[in-house]
C-alpha cells in the first residue's frame, strides 16, 4: 500500500524539476512535474504519490498527520514496520 505521508521539502533542483523531501527522517526525491512552477518552496510540506509531489499542505495539518503516523508506528511490531517500509519503497509507478 502506498501512503501519502506529509514530507518537508529540503531541496529543489530546478534543472531536473525534482524536490528532495524528508519523510519522517527518510530523505527521498520526488518529481515536481504535477505542480505549477514555483508553487513548491523549500520548507513547504507536501504529499507524495508514486514519486510525484501531488499537493502542498499547511504545516499544522502536516504535524497533525505526522503525530497520527507516529502513534500507528509505536503500536506496530518490528516485522510490521519493516514490511510497511519495504512496501513503500516498492510502490508501483514510482517516478525515478
Protein backbone atom coordinates (compact mmCIF):
# COMPACT_ATOMS: atom_id res chain seq x y z
CA UNK A 1 0.00 0.00 0.00
CA UNK A 2 1.25 3.47 -0.83
CA UNK A 3 0.66 6.03 1.90
CA UNK A 4 0.87 9.74 1.41
CA UNK A 5 2.83 10.83 4.47
CA UNK A 6 3.48 14.57 4.78
CA UNK A 7 7.03 15.34 3.72
CA UNK A 8 9.05 18.52 4.19
CA UNK A 9 10.84 19.92 1.13
CA UNK A 10 14.55 20.29 1.90
CA UNK A 11 15.96 20.98 -1.57
CA UNK A 12 14.72 21.85 -5.05
CA UNK A 13 16.65 21.17 -8.25
CA UNK A 14 15.15 23.43 -10.93
CA UNK A 15 17.17 21.77 -13.71
CA UNK A 16 15.66 18.34 -13.09
CA UNK A 17 12.37 19.65 -11.63
CA UNK A 18 12.87 17.42 -8.58
CA UNK A 19 12.48 18.07 -4.88
CA UNK A 20 14.32 16.33 -2.09
CA UNK A 21 11.97 15.76 0.81
CA UNK A 22 12.24 14.49 4.37
CA UNK A 23 9.59 11.90 5.20
CA UNK A 24 9.81 11.15 8.92
CA UNK A 25 13.61 11.19 8.78
CA UNK A 26 13.94 9.46 5.41
CA UNK A 27 15.26 11.56 2.54
CA UNK A 28 13.88 10.86 -0.93
CA UNK A 29 13.45 12.58 -4.27
CA UNK A 30 10.09 13.45 -5.79
CA UNK A 31 9.18 14.90 -9.17
CA UNK A 32 7.55 18.34 -9.28
CA UNK A 33 6.02 17.77 -12.74
CA UNK A 34 2.43 17.86 -11.47
CA UNK A 35 2.82 21.18 -9.65
CA UNK A 36 2.82 24.70 -11.06
CA UNK A 37 6.31 26.12 -11.47
CA UNK A 38 7.40 27.96 -8.33
CA UNK A 39 4.45 26.73 -6.27
CA UNK A 40 6.58 24.47 -4.04
CA UNK A 41 9.34 26.05 -1.98
CA UNK A 42 11.95 24.78 0.47
CA UNK A 43 10.29 24.33 3.86
CA UNK A 44 6.84 23.51 2.42
CA UNK A 45 5.04 20.33 3.40
CA UNK A 46 3.82 18.22 0.52
CA UNK A 47 2.04 14.95 -0.12
CA UNK A 48 3.61 12.42 -2.46
CA UNK A 49 2.19 9.64 -4.57
CA UNK A 50 4.15 7.28 -6.80
CA UNK A 51 7.18 9.55 -6.65
CA UNK A 52 5.40 12.79 -7.53
CA UNK A 53 4.53 15.78 -5.36
CA UNK A 54 0.73 15.86 -5.60
CA UNK A 55 -0.09 18.92 -3.48
CA UNK A 56 1.03 21.16 -0.65
CA UNK A 57 -0.48 21.09 2.82
CA UNK A 58 -0.15 23.58 5.61
CA UNK A 59 2.25 22.90 8.46
CA UNK A 60 -0.48 22.46 11.09
CA UNK A 61 -2.20 19.71 9.07
CA UNK A 62 1.17 18.11 8.31
CA UNK A 63 2.09 17.99 12.01
CA UNK A 64 -1.29 16.51 12.96
CA UNK A 65 -0.91 13.78 10.32
CA UNK A 66 2.67 13.03 11.37
CA UNK A 67 1.59 12.70 15.00
CA UNK A 68 -1.03 10.14 13.91
CA UNK A 69 1.53 8.19 11.88
CA UNK A 70 3.89 8.17 14.87
CA UNK A 71 1.12 6.71 17.06
CA UNK A 72 0.49 3.98 14.49
CA UNK A 73 4.20 3.16 14.22
CA UNK A 74 4.50 2.88 18.00
CA UNK A 75 1.92 0.08 18.14
CA UNK A 76 3.38 -1.86 15.20
CA UNK A 77 5.87 -4.62 15.91
CA UNK A 78 9.26 -4.56 14.17
CA UNK A 79 8.17 -7.01 11.45
CA UNK A 80 5.15 -4.86 10.56
CA UNK A 81 7.33 -1.72 10.45
CA UNK A 82 9.85 -3.37 8.14
CA UNK A 83 7.08 -4.63 5.84
CA UNK A 84 5.50 -1.16 5.66
CA UNK A 85 8.84 0.42 4.73
CA UNK A 86 9.57 -2.19 2.06
CA UNK A 87 6.10 -1.83 0.55
CA UNK A 88 6.52 1.95 0.37
CA UNK A 89 9.86 1.57 -1.42
CA UNK A 90 8.24 -0.81 -3.96
CA UNK A 91 5.23 1.40 -4.70
CA UNK A 92 4.28 0.79 -8.35
CA UNK A 93 4.73 3.51 -10.98
CA UNK A 94 7.32 5.37 -8.93
CA UNK A 95 8.99 8.30 -10.66
CA UNK A 96 12.76 7.83 -10.57
